[in-house]
Structures are given as structure tokens and as C-alpha cells.
Amino acid sequence: MSWSRRSLIFAAGGLAACGFTPVYGPEGAADGISGLIAIAPPRDEPGYIFVRRMEERIGRAKGARYELNAEIEVEEEGLGITPGRDTTRIRLAGTIVYTLRDMATGQQVWQGRATNFTGYSTPVVDQSRVSIAGNPVTVRAAERDALDRLMTILADQVTGQLLATAPDWYRGPSG
């Protein structure tokens, strides 16, 4: 099936007629909530990365009306195992459970959960227990990069959930 420009214009008009508002368009949720959500200070490295990415996406709070509290859990699991029982691949699985509260009333206005995973490689070791590839510095860099990717993915998921649900909890500029 081929779409012409005319078909796309009519489809967009149909969406507008049914009340669809693009989240990043004029008067969209992304514009409305930008800078209105204060994110609780991080307690650890994953929290720091999460807060940094959230502030990139929804803006740093100025005149915040809402507070986002997030519980972050990261689990590490060995995946690739050699015949000598050395782990060659690590999987980082992350879960964020968050609540959004109205700062004026203290009332919880939204809650959600985001989960995802990423991974990184570790050195391959030969029979003499000598590392063939990688060293502690490169492994640590790969681990930090994987954690950064994981927290970025989770922050993007939380942002997407907040923007998609904003009509349910955001009451506009006047409250």
C-alpha cells in the first residue's frame, strides 16, 4: 500500500479531530511539564546517571510542582562461560520503580516501573590463566559504559511513560 501526501494530511487531520495532541508539539505534554519535576537527589552511581539523563529529557526543575522519587535496582549476571568456567559476558539488568508526587499536597499522582538490560564483555582467559584480551582498566570502562547505557535506557523509558500519561496527572499551568 502506498501513502500519498494527501492521505497523510487527511490522516493527521483525523488524529487532530479525535483529540490527539503530539507530545512534543505546541501545547503538548513535553512542553507543559518541562522544568516542573524535581528529581530526588541520587544516592549512588546508577542514580546519578539516571538523574542526569532525566534532567536532559525533561529539564532541570525550576519552580517544581512535582517530585519524582525512584528506587533503582541493578543486578549483574554472568552469561558467557568458557569450558574453564571463566565468564566472558556480563548482563546488567535494571529496574526502576518510581512515584510522582504533587509537592503542594504531597499526594501521589502517578507511579510506574521500567525494566531493561544491557551487557558487556570481560577478558577471555587461556589455560595458563593469562588474559588474552582486556585488562582491568578496559573491563571497568566497559562496565561503566554498560551501566551508563542501562540508566539512559531506563530514564528514557520513564520519560516516555511520564509524557504519555501526563494528561492523567498534569493539570496545566494553573494547577
C-alpha atoms as a PDB file:
ATOM      1  CA  MET A   1       0.000   0.000   0.000  1.00  0.00           C
ATOM      2  CA  SER A   2       1.334   3.405  -0.942  1.00  0.00           C
ATOM      3  CA  TRP A   3       0.653   6.568   1.024  1.00  0.00           C
ATOM      4  CA  SER A   4       0.306   9.845  -0.837  1.00  0.00           C
ATOM      5  CA  ARG A   5       0.818  13.239   0.782  1.00  0.00           C
ATOM      6  CA  ARG A   6      -2.905  13.834   0.617  1.00  0.00           C
ATOM      7  CA  SER A   7      -3.558  10.611   2.570  1.00  0.00           C
ATOM      8  CA  LEU A   8      -1.083  11.628   5.248  1.00  0.00           C
ATOM      9  CA  ILE A   9      -2.628  15.079   5.596  1.00  0.00           C
ATOM     10  CA  PHE A  10      -6.099  13.579   5.977  1.00  0.00           C
ATOM     11  CA  ALA A  11      -4.790  11.043   8.494  1.00  0.00           C
ATOM     12  CA  ALA A  12      -3.152  13.827  10.536  1.00  0.00           C
ATOM     13  CA  GLY A  13      -6.373  15.819  10.394  1.00  0.00           C
ATOM     14  CA  GLY A  14      -8.301  12.793  11.588  1.00  0.00           C
ATOM     15  CA  LEU A  15      -5.977  12.369  14.552  1.00  0.00           C
ATOM     16  CA  ALA A  16      -6.347  16.042  15.449  1.00  0.00           C
ATOM     17  CA  ALA A  17     -10.129  15.745  15.248  1.00  0.00           C
ATOM     18  CA  CYS A  18     -10.146  12.843  17.717  1.00  0.00           C
ATOM     19  CA  GLY A  19      -8.200  14.867  20.315  1.00  0.00           C
ATOM     20  CA  PHE A  20      -4.688  13.636  19.513  1.00  0.00           C
ATOM     21  CA  THR A  21      -2.021  16.153  20.501  1.00  0.00           C
ATOM     22  CA  PRO A  22       1.628  15.450  19.679  1.00  0.00           C
ATOM     23  CA  VAL A  23       3.573  15.235  22.923  1.00  0.00           C
ATOM     24  CA  TYR A  24       6.366  17.449  21.538  1.00  0.00           C
ATOM     25  CA  GLY A  25       4.037  19.747  19.581  1.00  0.00           C
ATOM     26  CA  PRO A  26       2.652  23.131  20.630  1.00  0.00           C
ATOM     27  CA  GLU A  27       0.744  22.722  23.884  1.00  0.00           C
ATOM     28  CA  GLY A  28       1.977  19.123  24.112  1.00  0.00           C
ATOM     29  CA  ALA A  29       2.779  17.441  27.424  1.00  0.00           C
ATOM     30  CA  ALA A  30       6.543  17.733  26.881  1.00  0.00           C
ATOM     31  CA  ASP A  31       6.288  21.491  26.702  1.00  0.00           C
ATOM     32  CA  GLY A  32       3.893  21.680  29.658  1.00  0.00           C
ATOM     33  CA  ILE A  33       5.900  19.651  32.159  1.00  0.00           C
ATOM     34  CA  SER A  34       9.366  20.864  31.199  1.00  0.00           C
ATOM     35  CA  GLY A  35      11.122  22.063  34.362  1.00  0.00           C
ATOM     36  CA  LEU A  36       8.191  21.172  36.639  1.00  0.00           C
ATOM     37  CA  ILE A  37       9.506  17.870  38.006  1.00  0.00           C
ATOM     38  CA  ALA A  38      12.177  17.844  40.692  1.00  0.00           C
ATOM     39  CA  ILE A  39      14.042  14.561  40.774  1.00  0.00           C
ATOM     40  CA  ALA A  40      15.168  13.305  44.174  1.00  0.00           C
ATOM     41  CA  PRO A  41      18.962  13.510  44.608  1.00  0.00           C
ATOM     42  CA  PRO A  42      20.913  10.405  43.608  1.00  0.00           C
ATOM     43  CA  ARG A  43      22.306   8.032  46.229  1.00  0.00           C
ATOM     44  CA  ASP A  44      24.784   6.156  44.052  1.00  0.00           C
ATOM     45  CA  GLU A  45      26.362   5.989  40.586  1.00  0.00           C
ATOM     46  CA  PRO A  46      23.307   4.497  38.817  1.00  0.00           C
ATOM     47  CA  GLY A  47      21.135   7.160  40.473  1.00  0.00           C
ATOM     48  CA  TYR A  48      23.452   9.928  39.326  1.00  0.00           C
ATOM     49  CA  ILE A  49      23.356   8.725  35.719  1.00  0.00           C
ATOM     50  CA  PHE A  50      19.552   8.361  35.895  1.00  0.00           C
ATOM     51  CA  VAL A  51      19.014  11.879  37.290  1.00  0.00           C
ATOM     52  CA  ARG A  52      21.398  13.403  34.740  1.00  0.00           C
ATOM     53  CA  ARG A  53      19.535  11.799  31.832  1.00  0.00           C
ATOM     54  CA  MET A  54      16.107  12.693  33.236  1.00  0.00           C
ATOM     55  CA  GLU A  55      17.150  16.340  33.553  1.00  0.00           C
ATOM     56  CA  GLU A  56      18.378  16.267  29.943  1.00  0.00           C
ATOM     57  CA  ARG A  57      14.998  14.970  28.818  1.00  0.00           C
ATOM     58  CA  ILE A  58      12.503  16.917  30.957  1.00  0.00           C
ATOM     59  CA  GLY A  59      14.616  19.866  32.066  1.00  0.00           C
ATOM     60  CA  ARG A  60      16.108  20.798  35.384  1.00  0.00           C
ATOM     61  CA  ALA A  61      13.428  21.754  37.880  1.00  0.00           C
ATOM     62  CA  LYS A  62      12.747  25.455  38.271  1.00  0.00           C
ATOM     63  CA  GLY A  63       9.586  26.196  40.142  1.00  0.00           C
ATOM     64  CA  ALA A  64       8.899  22.471  40.504  1.00  0.00           C
ATOM     65  CA  ARG A  65       5.346  21.343  41.179  1.00  0.00           C
ATOM     66  CA  TYR A  66       6.088  17.620  41.248  1.00  0.00           C
ATOM     67  CA  GLU A  67       8.753  15.409  42.797  1.00  0.00           C
ATOM     68  CA  LEU A  68       9.949  12.158  41.256  1.00  0.00           C
ATOM     69  CA  ASN A  69      11.377   9.528  43.600  1.00  0.00           C
ATOM     70  CA  ALA A  70      12.977   6.474  42.031  1.00  0.00           C
ATOM     71  CA  GLU A  71      14.149   3.208  43.545  1.00  0.00           C
ATOM     72  CA  ILE A  72      16.849   1.749  41.305  1.00  0.00           C
ATOM     73  CA  GLU A  73      17.964  -1.857  41.351  1.00  0.00           C
ATOM     74  CA  VAL A  74      20.777  -3.188  39.150  1.00  0.00           C
ATOM     75  CA  GLU A  75      21.657  -6.868  39.032  1.00  0.00           C
ATOM     76  CA  GLU A  76      24.707  -8.395  37.394  1.00  0.00           C
ATOM     77  CA  GLU A  77      24.645 -11.876  35.868  1.00  0.00           C
ATOM     78  CA  GLY A  78      27.372 -13.837  34.105  1.00  0.00           C
ATOM     79  CA  LEU A  79      26.230 -15.162  30.729  1.00  0.00           C
ATOM     80  CA  GLY A  80      29.064 -16.365  28.512  1.00  0.00           C
ATOM     81  CA  ILE A  81      31.089 -19.074  30.213  1.00  0.00           C
ATOM     82  CA  THR A  82      34.140 -20.826  28.794  1.00  0.00           C
ATOM     83  CA  PRO A  83      34.889 -24.534  29.310  1.00  0.00           C
ATOM     84  CA  GLY A  84      37.328 -23.379  32.010  1.00  0.00           C
ATOM     85  CA  ARG A  85      34.364 -21.710  33.795  1.00  0.00           C
ATOM     86  CA  ASP A  86      35.511 -18.161  33.096  1.00  0.00           C
ATOM     87  CA  THR A  87      32.787 -15.603  32.476  1.00  0.00           C
ATOM     88  CA  THR A  88      33.130 -13.762  29.176  1.00  0.00           C
ATOM     89  CA  ARG A  89      29.885 -11.764  29.103  1.00  0.00           C
ATOM     90  CA  ILE A  90      28.058  -9.882  31.857  1.00  0.00           C
ATOM     91  CA  ARG A  91      24.399  -8.901  31.713  1.00  0.00           C
ATOM     92  CA  LEU A  92      23.240  -5.860  33.699  1.00  0.00           C
ATOM     93  CA  ALA A  93      19.514  -5.913  34.402  1.00  0.00           C
ATOM     94  CA  GLY A  94      17.914  -2.775  35.802  1.00  0.00           C
ATOM     95  CA  THR A  95      14.558  -1.943  37.320  1.00  0.00           C
ATOM     96  CA  ILE A  96      13.293   1.482  38.314  1.00  0.00           C
ATOM     97  CA  VAL A  97      10.137   1.824  40.378  1.00  0.00           C
ATOM     98  CA  TYR A  98       9.121   5.460  40.624  1.00  0.00           C
ATOM     99  CA  THR A  99       6.479   7.672  42.163  1.00  0.00           C
ATOM    100  CA  LEU A 100       5.468  11.174  41.209  1.00  0.00           C
ATOM    101  CA  ARG A 101       4.060  13.405  43.950  1.00  0.00           C
ATOM    102  CA  ASP A 102       2.390  16.782  43.873  1.00  0.00           C
ATOM    103  CA  MET A 103       4.697  18.908  46.047  1.00  0.00           C
ATOM    104  CA  ALA A 104       1.891  21.186  47.264  1.00  0.00           C
ATOM    105  CA  THR A 105      -0.347  18.393  48.566  1.00  0.00           C
ATOM    106  CA  GLY A 106       2.095  15.516  48.985  1.00  0.00           C
ATOM    107  CA  GLN A 107      -0.377  13.359  47.078  1.00  0.00           C
ATOM    108  CA  GLN A 108       0.973  10.673  44.782  1.00  0.00           C
ATOM    109  CA  VAL A 109      -0.270  11.494  41.280  1.00  0.00           C
ATOM    110  CA  TRP A 110       1.453   8.735  39.319  1.00  0.00           C
ATOM    111  CA  GLN A 111       3.584   5.642  39.753  1.00  0.00           C
ATOM    112  CA  GLY A 112       5.350   3.407  37.316  1.00  0.00           C
ATOM    113  CA  ARG A 113       8.034   0.880  36.614  1.00  0.00           C
ATOM    114  CA  ALA A 114      10.676   0.477  33.919  1.00  0.00           C
ATOM    115  CA  THR A 115      12.898  -2.538  33.291  1.00  0.00           C
ATOM    116  CA  ASN A 116      15.592  -3.276  30.756  1.00  0.00           C
ATOM    117  CA  PHE A 117      19.051  -4.781  30.358  1.00  0.00           C
ATOM    118  CA  THR A 118      22.364  -4.392  28.607  1.00  0.00           C
ATOM    119  CA  GLY A 119      25.690  -6.193  28.702  1.00  0.00           C
ATOM    120  CA  TYR A 120      29.443  -6.046  28.296  1.00  0.00           C
ATOM    121  CA  SER A 121      32.340  -8.403  27.621  1.00  0.00           C
ATOM    122  CA  THR A 122      35.050  -9.420  30.040  1.00  0.00           C
ATOM    123  CA  PRO A 123      38.537 -10.699  29.200  1.00  0.00           C
ATOM    124  CA  VAL A 124      38.988 -14.119  27.680  1.00  0.00           C
ATOM    125  CA  VAL A 125      41.475 -16.174  29.670  1.00  0.00           C
ATOM    126  CA  ASP A 126      43.574 -19.038  28.279  1.00  0.00           C
ATOM    127  CA  GLN A 127      44.513 -22.245  30.105  1.00  0.00           C
ATOM    128  CA  SER A 128      47.582 -20.647  31.735  1.00  0.00           C
ATOM    129  CA  ARG A 129      45.244 -18.054  33.342  1.00  0.00           C
ATOM    130  CA  VAL A 130      46.821 -15.249  31.325  1.00  0.00           C
ATOM    131  CA  SER A 131      44.432 -12.671  29.926  1.00  0.00           C
ATOM    132  CA  ILE A 132      44.294 -12.783  26.134  1.00  0.00           C
ATOM    133  CA  ALA A 133      42.025  -9.783  25.656  1.00  0.00           C
ATOM    134  CA  GLY A 134      41.230  -6.957  28.024  1.00  0.00           C
ATOM    135  CA  ASN A 135      42.686  -5.765  31.272  1.00  0.00           C
ATOM    136  CA  PRO A 136      41.188  -4.378  34.478  1.00  0.00           C
ATOM    137  CA  VAL A 137      41.064  -0.845  33.051  1.00  0.00           C
ATOM    138  CA  THR A 138      39.240  -1.817  29.846  1.00  0.00           C
ATOM    139  CA  VAL A 139      36.879  -4.127  31.718  1.00  0.00           C
ATOM    140  CA  ARG A 140      35.990  -1.346  34.176  1.00  0.00           C
ATOM    141  CA  ALA A 141      35.447   1.047  31.257  1.00  0.00           C
ATOM    142  CA  ALA A 142      33.153  -1.496  29.575  1.00  0.00           C
ATOM    143  CA  GLU A 143      31.264  -1.990  32.852  1.00  0.00           C
ATOM    144  CA  ARG A 144      30.771   1.767  33.354  1.00  0.00           C
ATOM    145  CA  ASP A 145      29.685   2.197  29.741  1.00  0.00           C
ATOM    146  CA  ALA A 146      27.131  -0.615  30.132  1.00  0.00           C
ATOM    147  CA  LEU A 147      25.791   0.992  33.322  1.00  0.00           C
ATOM    148  CA  ASP A 148      25.546   4.355  31.545  1.00  0.00           C
ATOM    149  CA  ARG A 149      23.644   2.737  28.658  1.00  0.00           C
ATOM    150  CA  LEU A 150      21.304   0.927  31.050  1.00  0.00           C
ATOM    151  CA  MET A 151      20.453   4.033  33.087  1.00  0.00           C
ATOM    152  CA  THR A 152      19.966   6.050  29.884  1.00  0.00           C
ATOM    153  CA  ILE A 153      17.563   3.433  28.522  1.00  0.00           C
ATOM    154  CA  LEU A 154      15.620   3.350  31.803  1.00  0.00           C
ATOM    155  CA  ALA A 155      15.481   7.156  32.075  1.00  0.00           C
ATOM    156  CA  ASP A 156      14.177   7.331  28.510  1.00  0.00           C
ATOM    157  CA  GLN A 157      11.506   4.755  29.377  1.00  0.00           C
ATOM    158  CA  VAL A 158      10.434   6.696  32.489  1.00  0.00           C
ATOM    159  CA  THR A 159      10.348   9.935  30.483  1.00  0.00           C
ATOM    160  CA  GLY A 160       8.227   8.280  27.815  1.00  0.00           C
ATOM    161  CA  GLN A 161       5.817   6.967  30.452  1.00  0.00           C
ATOM    162  CA  LEU A 162       5.530  10.382  32.112  1.00  0.00           C
ATOM    163  CA  LEU A 163       4.875  12.119  28.799  1.00  0.00           C
ATOM    164  CA  ALA A 164       2.357   9.512  27.674  1.00  0.00           C
ATOM    165  CA  THR A 165       0.448   9.697  30.960  1.00  0.00           C
ATOM    166  CA  ALA A 166       0.725  13.473  31.544  1.00  0.00           C
ATOM    167  CA  PRO A 167      -2.929  14.060  30.620  1.00  0.00           C
ATOM    168  CA  ASP A 168      -3.873  11.829  33.586  1.00  0.00           C
ATOM    169  CA  TRP A 169      -1.875  13.713  36.234  1.00  0.00           C
ATOM    170  CA  TYR A 170      -0.757  17.109  34.886  1.00  0.00           C
ATOM    171  CA  ARG A 171      -3.337  19.829  35.461  1.00  0.00           C
ATOM    172  CA  GLY A 172      -1.803  22.614  33.420  1.00  0.00           C
ATOM    173  CA  PRO A 173      -0.064  25.840  34.376  1.00  0.00           C
ATOM    174  CA  SER A 174      -2.666  26.982  36.892  1.00  0.00           C
ATOM    175  CA  GLY A 175      -2.964  23.669  38.666  1.00  0.00           C
END
